[in-house]
């Protein structure tokens, strides 16, 4: 018994020693859900088909799933010059704010920044679940932020003992690289998705655990962008200063109607900036972007209207054609950009779904 007690005491001292090295102010400390209990994700939060349908894009770079493996893969000698052993730094960048959205403008092309963003995500403890260089999109696996697990002692226990302590919350990020307005620059946008475990007691007293979607956290998006800035070459002090100096911007979005009574969303932004902000909003909201046409200013999306779902009969055997596809159309206007919701045929969407979609976008863009 004395030996057992000594062993327990030693283990406790080791854990407490680990606690003393933890950063109390750390906001992000991820552990991938692949080593946690399986996470059932609702269908409406699945990846857009343009990503999921690309076989070469459905795995992490080189098939690796950890940062150490990624580093080894990146430094392995190759026959081609496509892989660069030492990734360059990008010190010239700035953090931009539009409403409650933030993104980075970096001097560098998407091709140059792509491997850097890959290595950054892996270095944070996240795994890359999906990637598509053609669309400039990377999406991480669901992961638990262990920085939210109680105090220093609990965080240490969570780190070394896995699921002994758990937050019941999982995060996922979708990163989009877009060519900037200025040649040779890239806009990097990060959208956060959140799921929380809820406990339901059924009529037979059985307990059921269900993962429910929750609103995104703009503060986590900003923190990820700050860490990315440091990863790309900015000093931690300069990155923190850029975050601190950004003030809350006035509302730059307004819901209006045109002469025909059609609902519109007016943005005090030029078309290029509005295009980026609407795309980030769709990522945040979990819309499935099936296609996009920048030349026409149109996003082709799928939206499961909750009001329509309520009206469906559980006993109806009637099969109706799927009408959940919409077009989000952006056009230049004298005061900026107008956003309209069209049906699948390109005609104005006059149902309640169109108004609800615009309201969702407004909450993100205002």
Foldseek 3Di string as FASTA:
>chain_A
DVVVVVVVVVVLVVLVVQLVPDDLPDDFAKAFCVPPPDADDDPLLDAFCVFVVPVVFQAAVVNDWALVVVLVVLLDDDPDPLRDNDQAFFQDKAWDDFALFIKMKTQAALSSCVVLVSSLCRVSNWGWRGGDVVQQKTKTGKIFGLSPFPGSSRSSCCVVVPVPTGDQKIKMKMWGWDQDPDPRMIIIGIAMWMWGWDWDQDPVRDIDIHIDTDATDSVVRLVSNLSSSVSRPHPNVVSVVSVVVDDRDPAQWDWDADPVRFIKIGGQAALVVVLVQLVSLCNRVSWRFNDADVVQQKTKTFDDDVVVVVPDDPPDPDDDDDFRIWIFHWDADPRHIMTAIGTPVRHGDPDVVRVVVSVSSSVRRD
